[in-house]
Structures are given as structure tokens and as C-alpha cells.
Amino acid sequence: MSPTRDHNYYIDCGIVLQVENVLFKIDISLLATHSEIFKSMISVPAGPNTVEGTSDANPIVLPQVKPDEFRDLLRVFYSSPVDPEHIAFMYGSAEKKDQNPAAFKRYLNIARLAHRYCMSNTETWAKDQVRALVVLNLTSDEVWIDTGDLLEAHHYARLWTDDSDDTLAENIRHVFSYALDACYFSTVMDFYKASRDQEPVMRGIILARVLQIKPTLRSLELSWAEHAPLYALQVHLTPLPDYRPFSTLAAASRIETTLVDEQESDIELCPQIADCLQDHWERIVSDNWEGGDFEDAVREINDLHEARRSIVQDDRIKHCDCENSDCGTAIVKHIDTLMKELFIEISDICTKVSGWPTKMLTNA
């Protein structure tokens, strides 16, 4: 099929670019101002053989980019500066009308393409919008970002090796875990089938959720190569291991004890925060954690996300009155560390006992 011209970004004079099966013709100098990569496209000396980009028959091909992604990037530079929608969009995530799934997707597309084309200022702006909308979902009662977009955002966040505290990626994982419980069965299965491409924490979160789904249902969706690792993992998690982080997360008192033991300074939870931890953790994580019933135990592993969420949203955590330390922040960070260790361990156990994801790749 011959490529078609884009309805919005195809002008009379400009450079012709092809993105998949769509042709764009734009004044590329605007992009070149912000990107050395685009600048190089118009700095090639003219000559009898330099026809690339001068016609529909000889466009400059931009590989590994989707038309909608490229349109979102062009929107930043080529929209009318007096267009109310453009003004609101550029104002960013603080604008109420841009707090929605479509806006999140657009900001993410811009951030990813700006990263690809080394447009640092544009990427920083777009990434700030992605970060703000993730935090908004993290603190709200309902997650409205699409789960597939959260996985793409997580992959993007992992590109930022200078984010040593992993804050953006960690927040995305929390929002994803909150949203996963509401996903359709088929969607969870699709995430599992593709989870071999995820990093260990996210892979462990997906594995734990899949293990909670009844085997009779799983068998309808999975091949033997995909099904076998789940059976192997179930066997090795019955009963749950009695070492950290499994044992530590079993009770609020153990979480508090390990926090105190691991701090260089003598930190103690104030009564307000200790009660908050006890109230939410013991309400959600019950004695079934250390029992022999696998279904009860794996359900409570998945309930950890809700326990963590309820603690973070508690006003006692938000307004800790400690004189010498913010023990509310300290306990949340400690829970996050333990949960991260837990899901990495689940992923690692699955790999050790079944060869997954290596064997899945060879059988795919």
C-alpha cells in the first residue's frame, strides 16, 4: 500500500518524512533548532543525487516511530501559539483538562521521542508532565492511566540511569499494581505473556497476580511452555519461604523491627505512625500469610499493594509530628524496599526453578 499524506502536517514547502505508512512534510528547521539529529537532515550538501526528503517518492524514513507518536511531538512545535487547546496542553499536567489518559499518552510519546532525538529541554518538560500525572494517580482513589501505557512509561523511566533513586519507575510500578487488580483476565494474561521483557520487579508483580487466577482458567489461555513456570513457582512458594522479605512482610511488628534495626541512627516509630502501620497492615495481611494454603498466601501477597496504598493515604502518615525524624516517610520507604525485594525474589525463583523466561523464549 502506498503511503498517505498526513492531514495536518503536510505543507507545500518542506522536507518529506515517512513514519510507517504516513508522509509528513514540514519546515524541519523548527525541529532542527532543538535537535542535532534533525539538524543533520537539512545540513547535507545539495547535489544531483541528494533527493532524499525532497518528494513523496524519496522521503526521509524515520524508523521505529509510530505516526501518532510523531504527531504528538509535532504538536509541541507546529501548533498555533494562540490556540486555547495548545496553550492548555503546554501549560501541562496542572491543567485539569490534561489530567486524563489521552493527555498522559501524549506526554509520554513526546518524552520518548524527545529522548530518541536528543531534545533535552523538550524531554525534561514532557517527563515532568508524565511524573506529575503518575503521582496524581498514586494519591487518588482511582487509577485512570491505561495499564498498557503504564508499562510503556515504566520502560521509558528505566532509560534514565541518572535517576539513582528510581523514584519515577517505582511510582509507576505502584500505580500499575493498583490498576492490575481491576484488569480483565485476558489483559492480565497478555501482560504475563509479555512479561519476559520486563525488569524483575515488574515481572514479579505480574507473576504474583497471575498466580492468583485459578489454574482452570489459565489453562484456557496459555501454552504448556507458558503454563509450566507458574506450576513450578506455585510448588516452590507453598508454603511461603520463611526468610526475608517473605517473613518480614508477614506482620507490622516485623516491618517495624527491621526498620529500627537497619537504621544507622536510632529511629523509633512514634505512636501515631506505629498505630497507622498496625491498623492497615494487620487489617489486610492476616494469619493466612504463613499458613499452608497457597491461594490464601498469594492473595495476601497481592493485597500488599492495597495495604501500602492505605498507609500512604492515611492522614497520620501525611502529618507525622516526630521531633527528630520523619518516621512516616521512613516506614513507607522501608515497606517499598521490602516489597521490591519480594517481587524480585518471586521473579528470581521462577527463573531458577523453571528456566523462565529463557525457556519461554526458545519455545515461543
Protein backbone atom coordinates (compact mmCIF):
# COMPACT_ATOMS: atom_id res chain seq x y z
CA MET A 1 0.00 0.00 0.00
CA SER A 2 1.32 3.42 -0.95
CA PRO A 3 1.96 5.83 1.93
CA THR A 4 -0.64 8.53 2.52
CA ARG A 5 -0.13 12.19 3.35
CA ASP A 6 -0.90 13.33 6.87
CA HIS A 7 -3.95 15.60 7.02
CA ASN A 8 -2.47 18.09 9.48
CA TYR A 9 1.28 18.07 8.92
CA TYR A 10 1.83 18.18 5.18
CA ILE A 11 2.62 21.66 3.77
CA ASP A 12 3.61 22.88 0.31
CA CYS A 13 7.24 23.60 1.14
CA GLY A 14 9.35 21.45 3.45
CA ILE A 15 11.13 18.17 3.99
CA VAL A 16 9.20 14.95 3.40
CA LEU A 17 9.42 12.43 6.25
CA GLN A 18 7.90 8.96 6.26
CA VAL A 19 6.70 7.39 9.51
CA GLU A 20 5.44 3.87 8.86
CA ASN A 21 2.86 4.40 6.08
CA VAL A 22 2.29 8.13 6.61
CA LEU A 23 4.06 11.05 4.91
CA PHE A 24 4.75 14.31 6.74
CA LYS A 25 6.02 17.44 5.02
CA ILE A 26 7.17 20.12 7.41
CA ASP A 27 9.55 23.02 7.86
CA ILE A 28 12.09 20.90 9.68
CA SER A 29 14.09 23.92 10.85
CA LEU A 30 11.85 24.17 13.92
CA LEU A 31 12.83 20.66 14.99
CA ALA A 32 16.44 21.26 13.97
CA THR A 33 16.66 24.14 16.44
CA HIS A 34 16.14 21.63 19.26
CA SER A 35 17.81 18.50 17.87
CA GLU A 36 21.17 17.86 16.26
CA ILE A 37 19.68 14.75 14.69
CA PHE A 38 17.04 16.72 12.80
CA LYS A 39 19.61 19.42 12.07
CA SER A 40 21.75 16.85 10.27
CA MET A 41 18.84 16.07 7.96
CA ILE A 42 18.96 19.57 6.45
CA SER A 43 22.73 20.06 6.56
CA VAL A 44 23.60 17.50 3.88
CA PRO A 45 25.18 19.34 0.91
CA ALA A 46 22.88 19.67 -2.07
CA GLY A 47 23.80 17.79 -5.22
CA PRO A 48 22.40 15.84 -8.14
CA ASN A 49 21.99 12.69 -6.06
CA THR A 50 20.65 14.21 -2.85
CA VAL A 51 16.95 13.71 -3.38
CA GLU A 52 16.05 12.13 -0.03
CA GLY A 53 13.34 14.17 1.63
CA THR A 54 12.51 16.26 -1.44
CA SER A 55 9.48 14.31 -2.66
CA ASP A 56 6.90 11.73 -1.68
CA ALA A 57 8.81 9.19 -3.75
CA ASN A 58 12.03 9.80 -1.81
CA PRO A 59 11.17 10.64 1.79
CA ILE A 60 13.47 10.52 4.79
CA VAL A 61 12.32 7.44 6.69
CA LEU A 62 12.11 7.66 10.48
CA PRO A 63 12.31 4.06 11.75
CA GLN A 64 10.81 2.66 14.95
CA VAL A 65 8.37 5.55 15.32
CA LYS A 66 4.58 5.46 15.08
CA PRO A 67 2.57 8.18 13.29
CA ASP A 68 0.58 9.12 16.41
CA GLU A 69 3.79 9.49 18.40
CA PHE A 70 5.31 11.76 15.77
CA ARG A 71 2.13 13.86 15.56
CA ASP A 72 2.31 14.40 19.32
CA LEU A 73 5.89 15.66 19.01
CA LEU A 74 4.98 17.94 16.11
CA ARG A 75 2.08 19.30 18.09
CA VAL A 76 4.55 20.92 20.51
CA PHE A 77 6.33 22.89 17.76
CA TYR A 78 3.77 23.43 14.99
CA SER A 79 0.50 24.25 16.77
CA SER A 80 -0.72 27.82 16.77
CA PRO A 81 0.59 29.63 19.86
CA VAL A 82 -2.82 31.26 20.34
CA ASP A 83 -4.82 28.02 20.12
CA PRO A 84 -6.54 27.60 23.52
CA GLU A 85 -6.15 23.81 23.43
CA HIS A 86 -2.43 24.14 22.66
CA ILE A 87 -1.97 26.69 25.45
CA ALA A 88 -3.69 24.35 27.92
CA PHE A 89 -1.67 21.39 26.73
CA MET A 90 1.62 23.25 27.06
CA TYR A 91 0.60 24.51 30.49
CA GLY A 92 0.95 20.88 31.45
CA SER A 93 -0.42 18.42 33.94
CA ALA A 94 -1.54 21.17 36.34
CA GLU A 95 -4.33 21.92 33.86
CA LYS A 96 -7.41 19.92 34.86
CA LYS A 97 -8.37 19.13 31.27
CA ASP A 98 -4.99 17.44 30.74
CA GLN A 99 -5.43 15.06 33.65
CA ASN A 100 -6.75 12.19 31.56
CA PRO A 101 -5.48 9.02 29.82
CA ALA A 102 -5.14 10.64 26.38
CA ALA A 103 -3.02 13.52 27.70
CA PHE A 104 -0.79 11.10 29.62
CA LYS A 105 -0.22 9.12 26.43
CA ARG A 106 0.66 12.28 24.50
CA TYR A 107 3.13 13.50 27.14
CA LEU A 108 4.71 10.03 27.23
CA ASN A 109 5.01 9.94 23.43
CA ILE A 110 6.69 13.33 23.43
CA ALA A 111 9.11 12.34 26.19
CA ARG A 112 10.09 9.12 24.42
CA LEU A 113 10.64 10.74 21.02
CA ALA A 114 12.46 13.69 22.56
CA HIS A 115 14.75 11.16 24.22
CA ARG A 116 15.29 9.37 20.91
CA TYR A 117 16.13 12.59 19.06
CA CYS A 118 18.21 14.13 21.87
CA MET A 119 15.86 17.06 22.53
CA SER A 120 16.79 17.51 26.17
CA ASN A 121 14.67 20.55 27.04
CA THR A 122 11.57 19.08 25.43
CA GLU A 123 12.14 15.75 27.12
CA THR A 124 12.58 17.33 30.54
CA TRP A 125 9.30 19.20 30.15
CA ALA A 126 7.38 16.15 28.92
CA LYS A 127 8.90 13.90 31.55
CA ASP A 128 7.82 16.33 34.27
CA GLN A 129 4.23 16.02 32.99
CA VAL A 130 4.45 12.22 33.00
CA ARG A 131 5.87 12.27 36.51
CA ALA A 132 3.14 14.62 37.80
CA LEU A 133 0.30 12.56 36.32
CA VAL A 134 1.76 9.35 37.78
CA VAL A 135 1.88 10.98 41.22
CA LEU A 136 -1.70 12.19 40.76
CA ASN A 137 -2.81 8.60 40.13
CA LEU A 138 -0.67 7.39 43.00
CA THR A 139 -2.50 9.55 45.51
CA SER A 140 -6.04 9.33 44.11
CA ASP A 141 -8.68 6.71 44.86
CA GLU A 142 -8.91 5.62 41.22
CA VAL A 143 -6.25 4.88 38.62
CA TRP A 144 -7.24 6.27 35.22
CA ILE A 145 -3.98 5.79 33.29
CA ASP A 146 -4.18 2.84 30.90
CA THR A 147 -2.22 -0.15 32.22
CA GLY A 148 -0.52 -0.69 28.86
CA ASP A 149 0.64 2.92 28.87
CA LEU A 150 1.96 2.43 32.41
CA LEU A 151 4.13 -0.44 31.18
CA GLU A 152 5.45 1.73 28.36
CA ALA A 153 6.10 4.55 30.83
CA HIS A 154 7.96 2.13 33.09
CA HIS A 155 10.19 1.07 30.22
CA TYR A 156 10.88 4.73 29.45
CA ALA A 157 11.63 5.53 33.10
CA ARG A 158 14.21 2.74 33.17
CA LEU A 159 16.17 4.55 30.45
CA TRP A 160 17.07 7.25 32.94
CA THR A 161 20.13 5.79 34.60
CA ASP A 162 20.80 9.12 36.32
CA ASP A 163 17.63 8.69 38.41
CA SER A 164 19.59 6.86 41.08
CA ASP A 165 16.65 6.74 43.48
CA ASP A 166 14.41 5.09 40.85
CA THR A 167 11.53 7.29 42.02
CA LEU A 168 9.63 7.58 38.72
CA ALA A 169 9.90 3.87 37.92
CA GLU A 170 8.90 2.94 41.46
CA ASN A 171 5.84 5.19 41.41
CA ILE A 172 4.80 3.74 38.07
CA ARG A 173 5.08 0.22 39.50
CA HIS A 174 2.84 1.18 42.42
CA VAL A 175 0.19 2.71 40.14
CA PHE A 176 0.37 -0.31 37.84
CA SER A 177 -0.09 -2.71 40.76
CA TYR A 178 -3.14 -0.74 41.95
CA ALA A 179 -4.66 -0.89 38.46
CA LEU A 180 -3.80 -4.54 37.81
CA ASP A 181 -6.39 -5.88 40.21
CA ALA A 182 -9.17 -4.30 38.13
CA CYS A 183 -7.90 -5.61 34.78
CA TYR A 184 -9.77 -8.19 32.76
CA PHE A 185 -8.48 -11.75 32.92
CA SER A 186 -7.38 -11.67 29.29
CA THR A 187 -5.42 -8.44 29.87
CA VAL A 188 -3.54 -9.96 32.81
CA MET A 189 -2.70 -12.97 30.66
CA ASP A 190 -1.36 -10.71 27.91
CA PHE A 191 0.85 -8.95 30.46
CA TYR A 192 2.17 -12.32 31.63
CA LYS A 193 2.97 -13.50 28.11
CA ALA A 194 4.95 -10.31 27.51
CA SER A 195 6.46 -10.09 30.99
CA ARG A 196 9.72 -11.78 29.98
CA ASP A 197 10.65 -8.36 28.55
CA GLN A 198 10.03 -6.60 31.88
CA GLU A 199 12.62 -5.92 34.56
CA PRO A 200 12.47 -8.20 37.65
CA VAL A 201 10.29 -6.08 39.96
CA MET A 202 7.56 -5.53 37.39
CA ARG A 203 7.83 -9.16 36.27
CA GLY A 204 7.35 -10.32 39.87
CA ILE A 205 4.27 -8.12 40.30
CA ILE A 206 2.71 -9.62 37.17
CA LEU A 207 3.63 -13.18 38.19
CA ALA A 208 2.04 -12.77 41.60
CA ARG A 209 -1.20 -11.53 40.05
CA VAL A 210 -1.32 -14.39 37.55
CA LEU A 211 -0.76 -16.93 40.32
CA GLN A 212 -3.93 -15.66 41.98
CA ILE A 213 -6.01 -16.63 38.95
CA LYS A 214 -7.45 -20.13 39.04
CA PRO A 215 -5.44 -22.78 37.11
CA THR A 216 -8.53 -23.98 35.27
CA LEU A 217 -8.91 -20.52 33.74
CA ARG A 218 -5.22 -20.16 33.00
CA SER A 219 -5.18 -23.40 31.03
CA LEU A 220 -7.61 -21.92 28.53
CA GLU A 221 -5.22 -19.11 27.67
CA LEU A 222 -1.66 -20.44 27.96
CA SER A 223 0.52 -22.90 26.12
CA TRP A 224 2.37 -25.55 28.13
CA ALA A 225 5.60 -23.55 27.83
CA GLU A 226 3.82 -20.59 29.41
CA HIS A 227 1.88 -22.64 31.94
CA ALA A 228 4.73 -24.77 33.33
CA PRO A 229 6.67 -21.92 35.02
CA LEU A 230 3.55 -20.99 37.01
CA TYR A 231 3.14 -24.54 38.34
CA ALA A 232 6.83 -24.69 39.25
CA LEU A 233 6.62 -21.35 41.01
CA GLN A 234 3.49 -22.39 42.91
CA VAL A 235 5.22 -25.51 44.22
CA HIS A 236 8.21 -23.53 45.48
CA LEU A 237 6.01 -20.92 47.16
CA THR A 238 3.94 -23.50 49.09
CA PRO A 239 4.28 -22.73 51.92
CA LEU A 240 5.77 -19.25 51.58
CA PRO A 241 9.50 -19.12 52.37
CA ASP A 242 10.39 -18.19 55.95
CA TYR A 243 13.20 -15.81 55.03
CA ARG A 244 13.28 -12.09 54.24
CA PRO A 245 11.42 -10.43 52.62
CA PHE A 246 8.61 -13.00 52.84
CA SER A 247 8.80 -13.40 56.60
CA THR A 248 9.29 -9.69 57.30
CA LEU A 249 6.15 -8.63 55.44
CA ALA A 250 4.00 -11.10 57.36
CA ALA A 251 3.37 -8.70 60.25
CA ALA A 252 3.52 -5.00 61.03
CA SER A 253 5.66 -5.66 64.10
CA ARG A 254 8.35 -7.34 61.97
CA ILE A 255 8.38 -4.46 59.49
CA GLU A 256 8.84 -2.01 62.34
CA THR A 257 11.59 -4.12 63.95
CA THR A 258 13.64 -4.42 60.76
CA LEU A 259 13.31 -0.68 60.12
CA VAL A 260 14.69 0.11 63.57
CA ASP A 261 17.47 -2.48 63.25
CA GLU A 262 18.65 -1.27 59.83
CA GLN A 263 18.85 2.47 60.53
CA GLU A 264 22.27 3.92 61.28
CA SER A 265 20.64 6.28 63.74
CA ASP A 266 18.29 5.05 66.43
CA ILE A 267 14.93 5.63 64.79
CA GLU A 268 11.76 4.59 66.53
CA LEU A 269 8.24 4.90 65.18
CA CYS A 270 6.18 7.43 67.04
CA PRO A 271 2.91 6.04 68.49
CA GLN A 272 0.89 7.74 65.74
CA ILE A 273 2.80 6.05 62.89
CA ALA A 274 3.09 2.73 64.72
CA ASP A 275 -0.69 2.65 65.13
CA CYS A 276 -1.18 3.58 61.47
CA LEU A 277 1.07 0.72 60.33
CA GLN A 278 -0.61 -1.72 62.69
CA ASP A 279 -4.14 -0.68 61.71
CA HIS A 280 -3.71 -1.07 57.95
CA TRP A 281 -1.24 -3.94 57.78
CA GLU A 282 -2.97 -6.22 60.25
CA ARG A 283 -6.36 -5.45 58.70
CA ILE A 284 -5.25 -6.55 55.23
CA VAL A 285 -2.46 -9.07 55.91
CA SER A 286 -3.86 -11.84 58.12
CA ASP A 287 -2.59 -15.07 59.65
CA ASN A 288 -3.12 -16.85 56.32
CA TRP A 289 0.23 -15.41 55.19
CA GLU A 290 2.18 -18.11 57.00
CA GLY A 291 -0.36 -20.88 56.57
CA GLY A 292 -0.06 -23.80 54.19
CA ASP A 293 -2.82 -22.73 51.82
CA PHE A 294 -1.24 -21.31 48.67
CA GLU A 295 -4.32 -19.46 47.42
CA ASP A 296 -4.66 -17.57 50.71
CA ALA A 297 -0.97 -16.72 50.77
CA VAL A 298 -0.73 -15.48 47.17
CA ARG A 299 -3.89 -13.44 47.63
CA GLU A 300 -2.24 -11.68 50.54
CA ILE A 301 0.91 -11.05 48.52
CA ASN A 302 -1.26 -9.17 46.05
CA ASP A 303 -3.07 -7.43 48.92
CA LEU A 304 0.24 -5.87 49.98
CA HIS A 305 -0.31 -3.21 47.34
CA GLU A 306 -3.59 -2.18 48.92
CA ALA A 307 -2.06 -2.23 52.41
CA ARG A 308 0.72 0.06 51.24
CA ARG A 309 -1.73 2.35 49.49
CA SER A 310 -3.98 2.71 52.55
CA ILE A 311 -0.98 3.57 54.73
CA VAL A 312 0.27 6.24 52.32
CA GLN A 313 -3.17 7.85 52.14
CA ASP A 314 -3.63 7.90 55.90
CA ASP A 315 -3.50 11.42 57.36
CA ARG A 316 -1.30 10.18 60.18
CA ILE A 317 1.45 9.37 57.66
CA LYS A 318 0.99 12.69 55.87
CA HIS A 319 1.29 14.70 59.08
CA CYS A 320 3.91 12.94 61.15
CA ASP A 321 4.81 15.05 64.19
CA CYS A 322 8.13 13.41 65.04
CA GLU A 323 10.65 15.85 66.52
CA ASN A 324 13.87 14.17 65.42
CA SER A 325 12.93 12.23 62.28
CA ASP A 326 10.16 11.77 59.76
CA CYS A 327 9.32 8.22 60.71
CA GLY A 328 6.24 8.28 58.46
CA THR A 329 8.40 8.72 55.38
CA ALA A 330 10.91 6.20 56.75
CA ILE A 331 8.34 3.43 57.20
CA VAL A 332 6.89 3.93 53.70
CA LYS A 333 10.38 3.78 52.16
CA HIS A 334 11.11 0.64 54.16
CA ILE A 335 7.89 -1.04 53.01
CA ASP A 336 8.76 -0.10 49.43
CA THR A 337 12.20 -1.66 49.81
CA LEU A 338 10.77 -4.88 51.24
CA MET A 339 8.10 -5.14 48.53
CA LYS A 340 10.69 -4.50 45.83
CA GLU A 341 12.84 -7.30 47.28
CA LEU A 342 9.79 -9.58 47.43
CA PHE A 343 8.83 -9.24 43.77
CA ILE A 344 12.43 -9.54 42.63
CA GLU A 345 12.65 -12.75 44.65
CA ILE A 346 9.45 -14.12 43.09
CA SER A 347 10.86 -13.38 39.63
CA ASP A 348 14.22 -14.93 40.51
CA ILE A 349 12.61 -18.07 41.97
CA CYS A 350 10.60 -18.53 38.79
CA THR A 351 13.75 -18.26 36.70
CA LYS A 352 15.68 -20.69 38.91
CA VAL A 353 13.03 -23.41 39.08
CA SER A 354 11.80 -23.27 35.51
CA GLY A 355 14.38 -21.51 33.38
CA TRP A 356 11.79 -18.83 32.68
CA PRO A 357 11.96 -16.55 30.75
CA THR A 358 14.84 -18.21 28.82
CA LYS A 359 12.93 -21.40 28.03
CA MET A 360 9.83 -19.42 27.10
CA LEU A 361 11.87 -17.51 24.57
CA THR A 362 13.12 -20.71 22.96
CA ASN A 363 9.63 -22.20 22.86
CA ALA A 364 7.90 -19.06 21.61
